[in-house]
Protein backbone atom coordinates (compact mmCIF):
# COMPACT_ATOMS: atom_id res chain seq x y z
CA UNK A 1 0.00 0.00 0.00
CA UNK A 2 1.18 3.52 -0.76
CA UNK A 3 0.63 4.65 2.83
CA UNK A 4 2.88 1.94 4.29
CA UNK A 5 6.38 2.93 5.39
CA UNK A 6 8.88 2.34 2.62
CA UNK A 7 11.90 0.17 3.32
CA UNK A 8 14.98 0.27 1.12
CA UNK A 9 18.58 -0.84 1.45
CA UNK A 10 21.65 -2.29 -0.22
CA UNK A 11 22.19 -6.04 0.13
CA UNK A 12 25.63 -7.49 -0.64
CA UNK A 13 25.74 -11.02 -2.08
CA UNK A 14 29.19 -12.33 -1.24
CA UNK A 15 31.02 -15.63 -1.23
CA UNK A 16 33.87 -17.56 -2.77
CA UNK A 17 34.01 -18.00 -6.55
CA UNK A 18 31.41 -20.17 -8.28
CA UNK A 19 29.09 -20.53 -5.28
CA UNK A 20 26.04 -19.14 -7.12
CA UNK A 21 25.84 -15.41 -6.30
CA UNK A 22 24.95 -14.27 -9.83
CA UNK A 23 22.45 -17.09 -10.29
CA UNK A 24 20.83 -16.12 -7.00
CA UNK A 25 20.47 -12.48 -8.00
CA UNK A 26 18.98 -13.39 -11.38
CA UNK A 27 16.37 -15.61 -9.75
CA UNK A 28 15.54 -13.07 -7.03
CA UNK A 29 14.96 -10.49 -9.77
CA UNK A 30 13.15 -13.08 -11.93
CA UNK A 31 15.17 -11.73 -14.84
CA UNK A 32 18.63 -12.49 -16.18
CA UNK A 33 20.88 -9.56 -15.37
CA UNK A 34 24.20 -11.01 -14.19
CA UNK A 35 26.17 -13.33 -16.47
CA UNK A 36 26.80 -16.88 -15.28
CA UNK A 37 28.98 -19.83 -16.19
CA UNK A 38 30.40 -22.93 -14.56
CA UNK A 39 33.84 -21.32 -14.44
CA UNK A 40 35.00 -19.53 -11.28
CA UNK A 41 35.65 -15.77 -11.38
CA UNK A 42 33.00 -15.17 -14.05
CA UNK A 43 31.90 -12.00 -12.20
CA UNK A 44 34.52 -9.24 -12.33
CA UNK A 45 32.57 -6.12 -11.33
CA UNK A 46 29.97 -5.38 -8.71
CA UNK A 47 26.51 -5.21 -10.28
CA UNK A 48 23.35 -3.71 -8.81
CA UNK A 49 20.02 -5.49 -9.21
CA UNK A 50 16.90 -3.74 -7.93
CA UNK A 51 14.02 -5.81 -6.52
CA UNK A 52 10.95 -3.68 -5.73
CA UNK A 53 7.95 -5.36 -4.12
CA UNK A 54 5.24 -3.06 -2.71
CA UNK A 55 6.84 -0.98 0.07
CA UNK A 56 10.12 -2.95 -0.07
CA UNK A 57 13.10 -2.24 -2.31
CA UNK A 58 16.15 -4.48 -1.97
CA UNK A 59 19.14 -3.29 -4.00
CA UNK A 60 21.23 -6.42 -4.43
CA UNK A 61 24.95 -6.04 -5.08
CA UNK A 62 26.37 -9.04 -6.92
CA UNK A 63 30.10 -9.24 -6.23
CA UNK A 64 33.14 -11.07 -7.63
CA UNK A 65 34.11 -14.21 -5.74
CA UNK A 66 36.48 -13.55 -2.86
CA UNK A 67 39.64 -15.61 -3.35
CA UNK A 68 43.38 -15.55 -2.80
CA UNK A 69 44.33 -12.91 -5.39
CA UNK A 70 47.94 -13.90 -5.94
CA UNK A 71 50.11 -11.46 -7.86
CA UNK A 72 47.84 -10.73 -10.84
CA UNK A 73 46.37 -7.24 -10.89
CA UNK A 74 42.95 -8.24 -12.23
CA UNK A 75 42.47 -10.73 -9.38
CA UNK A 76 43.41 -8.07 -6.85
CA UNK A 77 40.91 -5.76 -8.50
CA UNK A 78 38.12 -8.34 -8.18
CA UNK A 79 38.78 -8.96 -4.49
CA UNK A 80 38.87 -5.20 -3.82
CA UNK A 81 35.56 -4.83 -5.68
CA UNK A 82 33.95 -7.52 -3.53
CA UNK A 83 35.24 -6.40 -0.14
CA UNK A 84 35.12 -2.60 -0.51
CA UNK A 85 31.32 -2.48 -0.69
CA UNK A 86 30.84 -4.22 2.66
CA UNK A 87 31.21 -0.97 4.58
CA UNK A 88 28.41 0.66 2.56
CA UNK A 89 25.60 -1.93 2.62
CA UNK A 90 22.70 -2.49 4.99
CA UNK A 91 22.58 -6.31 4.85
CA UNK A 92 25.09 -8.99 3.86
CA UNK A 93 24.13 -12.38 2.45
CA UNK A 94 27.01 -14.87 2.36
CA UNK A 95 26.50 -17.82 0.05
CA UNK A 96 27.97 -21.16 1.03
CA UNK A 97 27.60 -24.47 -0.72
CA UNK A 98 25.56 -27.25 0.93
CA UNK A 99 27.61 -28.83 3.73
CA UNK A 100 30.97 -27.72 2.28
CA UNK A 101 33.25 -25.25 4.07
CA UNK A 102 36.56 -24.35 2.41
CA UNK A 103 39.57 -22.15 3.11
CA UNK A 104 38.05 -19.57 0.75
CA UNK A 105 34.79 -19.65 2.75
CA UNK A 106 36.92 -18.99 5.84
CA UNK A 107 38.48 -16.02 4.05
CA UNK A 108 35.05 -14.60 3.20
CA UNK A 109 33.84 -15.09 6.78
CA UNK A 110 36.85 -13.15 8.08
CA UNK A 111 35.46 -10.00 6.45
CA UNK A 112 32.15 -10.34 8.34
CA UNK A 113 33.37 -10.44 11.92
CA UNK A 114 33.52 -6.67 12.43
CA UNK A 115 30.44 -5.68 10.44
CA UNK A 116 27.59 -3.98 12.28
CA UNK A 117 24.83 -4.96 9.87
CA UNK A 118 22.71 -8.13 9.70
CA UNK A 119 24.57 -11.01 8.06
CA UNK A 120 22.55 -13.89 6.62
CA UNK A 121 23.89 -17.20 5.35
CA UNK A 122 22.30 -18.68 2.24
CA UNK A 123 23.20 -22.36 2.07
CA UNK A 124 23.03 -22.90 -1.68
CA UNK A 125 22.72 -25.99 -3.91
CA UNK A 126 20.88 -28.01 -1.26
CA UNK A 127 19.08 -29.80 -4.11
CA UNK A 128 22.43 -31.45 -4.89
CA UNK A 129 22.85 -32.78 -1.38
CA UNK A 130 22.41 -36.54 -1.73
CA UNK A 131 21.96 -37.17 1.99
CA UNK A 132 19.47 -34.59 3.29
CA UNK A 133 20.21 -35.62 6.88
CA UNK A 134 23.51 -33.73 6.53
CA UNK A 135 21.70 -30.40 6.09
CA UNK A 136 20.78 -29.74 9.73
CA UNK A 137 24.29 -30.51 11.10
CA UNK A 138 25.76 -28.22 8.42
CA UNK A 139 23.41 -25.40 9.46
CA UNK A 140 24.35 -25.98 13.10
CA UNK A 141 28.06 -25.73 12.25
CA UNK A 142 27.43 -22.40 10.51
CA UNK A 143 25.48 -21.23 13.54
CA UNK A 144 28.45 -21.91 15.81
CA UNK A 145 30.48 -19.31 13.91
CA UNK A 146 28.29 -16.68 15.61
CA UNK A 147 28.29 -14.56 12.43
CA UNK A 148 24.78 -15.01 11.04
CA UNK A 149 21.44 -13.72 12.24
CA UNK A 150 19.69 -16.31 10.05
CA UNK A 151 20.69 -19.35 7.98
CA UNK A 152 18.46 -20.14 5.01
CA UNK A 153 18.82 -23.29 2.87
CA UNK A 154 18.19 -22.55 -0.82
CA UNK A 155 18.69 -23.72 -4.37
CA UNK A 156 19.32 -20.57 -6.40
CA UNK A 157 19.04 -22.49 -9.67
CA UNK A 158 15.82 -24.31 -8.79
CA UNK A 159 14.29 -21.38 -6.89
CA UNK A 160 13.84 -23.41 -3.71
CA UNK A 161 13.84 -21.35 -0.51
CA UNK A 162 14.11 -18.00 -2.30
CA UNK A 163 10.76 -16.75 -0.98
CA UNK A 164 12.01 -17.38 2.56
CA UNK A 165 15.33 -15.67 1.85
CA UNK A 166 13.63 -12.65 0.27
CA UNK A 167 11.35 -12.32 3.30
CA UNK A 168 14.31 -12.49 5.70
CA UNK A 169 15.96 -9.70 3.69
CA UNK A 170 12.87 -7.51 3.35
CA UNK A 171 12.10 -7.57 7.08
CA UNK A 172 15.63 -6.31 7.84
CA UNK A 173 15.67 -3.44 5.34
CA UNK A 174 15.91 -0.04 7.02
CA UNK A 175 13.09 2.46 6.80
CA UNK A 176 14.08 4.63 3.85
CA UNK A 177 12.43 6.01 0.69
CA UNK A 178 13.03 3.94 -2.44
CA UNK A 179 16.17 4.93 -4.33
CA UNK A 180 15.08 3.64 -7.76
CA UNK A 181 11.80 3.78 -9.69
CA UNK A 182 9.78 0.56 -9.35
CA UNK A 183 10.44 -0.51 -12.97
CA UNK A 184 14.24 -0.05 -12.89
CA UNK A 185 16.34 -3.16 -12.29
CA UNK A 186 19.93 -1.85 -12.53
CA UNK A 187 22.00 1.30 -12.75
CA UNK A 188 24.39 -0.11 -15.37
CA UNK A 189 24.27 1.30 -18.93
CA UNK A 190 23.32 -0.90 -21.88
CA UNK A 191 26.90 -0.92 -23.20
CA UNK A 192 28.10 -2.58 -20.01
CA UNK A 193 25.37 -5.23 -20.09
CA UNK A 194 26.10 -5.98 -23.77
CA UNK A 195 29.83 -6.39 -23.11
CA UNK A 196 29.03 -8.77 -20.26
CA UNK A 197 26.73 -10.85 -22.47
CA UNK A 198 29.54 -11.27 -25.00
CA UNK A 199 31.99 -12.20 -22.24
CA UNK A 200 29.54 -14.79 -20.91
CA UNK A 201 29.57 -16.55 -24.29
CA UNK A 202 33.37 -16.54 -24.22
CA UNK A 203 33.30 -18.06 -20.73
CA UNK A 204 30.91 -20.77 -21.80
CA UNK A 205 32.38 -21.61 -25.22
CA UNK A 206 36.12 -21.61 -24.56
CA UNK A 207 38.50 -23.58 -22.35
CA UNK A 208 39.53 -22.73 -18.83
CA UNK A 209 42.42 -20.35 -19.48
CA UNK A 210 41.34 -18.04 -22.31
CA UNK A 211 38.11 -16.59 -20.78
CA UNK A 212 40.11 -15.37 -17.79
CA UNK A 213 42.50 -13.61 -20.18
CA UNK A 214 39.73 -11.99 -22.24
CA UNK A 215 38.01 -8.62 -21.89
CA UNK A 216 35.22 -7.07 -23.96
CA UNK A 217 34.68 -3.41 -24.79
CA UNK A 218 31.69 -2.10 -26.78
CA UNK A 219 33.26 0.46 -29.11
CA UNK A 220 30.21 1.54 -31.12
CA UNK A 221 26.47 1.59 -30.48
CA UNK A 222 24.34 3.16 -33.21
CA UNK A 223 20.55 3.28 -33.03
CA UNK A 224 18.83 3.28 -36.42
CA UNK A 225 15.37 2.80 -37.86
CA UNK A 226 16.01 -0.90 -38.47
CA UNK A 227 17.54 -1.67 -35.09
CA UNK A 228 20.89 -1.30 -33.34
CA UNK A 229 24.34 -1.63 -34.90
CA UNK A 230 26.95 -2.69 -32.31
CA UNK A 231 30.70 -3.21 -32.65
CA UNK A 232 32.70 -4.75 -29.82
CA UNK A 233 36.38 -5.60 -29.33
CA UNK A 234 37.50 -8.78 -27.57
CA UNK A 235 40.95 -8.35 -26.01
CA UNK A 236 43.23 -11.32 -25.31
CA UNK A 237 46.87 -11.47 -24.26
CA UNK A 238 48.52 -13.58 -26.98
CA UNK A 239 48.20 -14.33 -30.70
CA UNK A 240 47.61 -18.00 -29.91
CA UNK A 241 44.59 -17.03 -27.80
CA UNK A 242 43.31 -14.85 -30.64
CA UNK A 243 43.43 -17.82 -33.03
CA UNK A 244 41.49 -19.98 -30.58
CA UNK A 245 38.77 -17.34 -30.08
CA UNK A 246 38.38 -16.90 -33.83
CA UNK A 247 38.47 -20.65 -34.51
CA UNK A 248 38.96 -22.49 -37.77
CA UNK A 249 37.55 -20.39 -40.58
CA UNK A 250 36.14 -17.97 -38.02
CA UNK A 251 33.56 -20.52 -36.84
CA UNK A 252 34.13 -20.13 -33.09
CA UNK A 253 33.82 -16.33 -33.20
CA UNK A 254 30.75 -16.63 -35.40
CA UNK A 255 29.14 -19.00 -32.88
CA UNK A 256 29.96 -16.70 -29.96
CA UNK A 257 28.60 -13.72 -31.87
CA UNK A 258 25.35 -15.45 -32.82
CA UNK A 259 24.63 -16.55 -29.26
CA UNK A 260 25.47 -13.08 -27.92
CA UNK A 261 23.32 -11.37 -30.57
CA UNK A 262 20.23 -13.34 -29.53
CA UNK A 263 20.67 -12.35 -25.88
CA UNK A 264 21.35 -8.72 -26.77
CA UNK A 265 18.18 -8.64 -28.87
CA UNK A 266 16.25 -9.99 -25.88
CA UNK A 267 17.83 -7.31 -23.68
CA UNK A 268 17.08 -4.43 -26.05
CA UNK A 269 13.86 -5.87 -27.48
CA UNK A 270 14.86 -4.96 -31.01
CA UNK A 271 16.85 -6.20 -33.97
CA UNK A 272 20.64 -6.15 -33.52
CA UNK A 273 23.61 -6.26 -35.88
CA UNK A 274 26.62 -7.37 -33.79
CA UNK A 275 30.19 -7.19 -35.08
CA UNK A 276 33.04 -8.69 -33.05
CA UNK A 277 36.77 -8.06 -33.44
CA UNK A 278 39.55 -9.92 -31.59
CA UNK A 279 42.62 -7.89 -30.61
CA UNK A 280 45.84 -8.72 -28.76
CA UNK A 281 46.80 -6.56 -25.76
CA UNK A 282 49.83 -8.25 -24.25
CA UNK A 283 49.73 -8.65 -20.46
CA UNK A 284 46.53 -6.64 -19.99
CA UNK A 285 45.43 -8.64 -16.93
CA UNK A 286 48.51 -7.49 -15.01
CA UNK A 287 48.87 -3.91 -16.25
CA UNK A 288 47.15 -1.27 -14.09
CA UNK A 289 46.98 1.33 -16.88
CA UNK A 290 45.48 -1.11 -19.39
CA UNK A 291 43.06 -2.47 -16.81
CA UNK A 292 41.84 1.06 -16.17
CA UNK A 293 41.40 1.70 -19.92
CA UNK A 294 39.36 -1.51 -20.24
CA UNK A 295 37.03 -0.48 -17.44
CA UNK A 296 38.60 -2.20 -14.42
CA UNK A 297 38.92 0.92 -12.30
């Protein structure tokens, strides 16, 4: 009801790589916004997703997986992206996987101990737990960490438990006017979302190494009477990687482009002409100046 007090706040979705944060946000929004793949470190930037239901507005912040960054600049960037937002949110949801608890989970938990906001645990992928009797002991072990105000078992992919999780979040939102209009779902521009769609296809279609050495930049976006004409550059680090992305006779790049074009058309709800170019930028993942130019700033 319009007369009810509005509640609005930022909700960080955090966890180690590949635990299901982006999938969770997409299903909470009931719309695909964040890219997903089976490969870890698919998410590189924080991404806002706005969920408005009546007087409630939860602004989810999907984050890169927190991991040991090593000496590569892009990995350090991702961990900074994920951890820096914790001081600015109203609620934190940490995703963990079933009854598993790893050293990376321990690292994520270490960032929660000094927070003064509600921290929830979403125990994800419970549909994959063969022995359901292990669920309660796993929840009890999480409870002993004394970090979480609530522990909610879910399956982000199947949608199980998401209504309960959403309710736990909504009831903890602070009283505050809504920040976004009710029909807005993100603050990111279309160019960013298009570049991410292309990168998702790279993540899904190529081997383990190359997607983590690839970046996408939308260089041209022209709106015409017949639709949208888009040109994007795919940056890799070596000529050998460029050949793999292009594929024999250009078939791999054509396949990636066709899959991306369909998703971009669904995003923009209009006809799209998508042109992809593969370029070599040696050592870009470890060069601060190049990272900044490619949008990792």
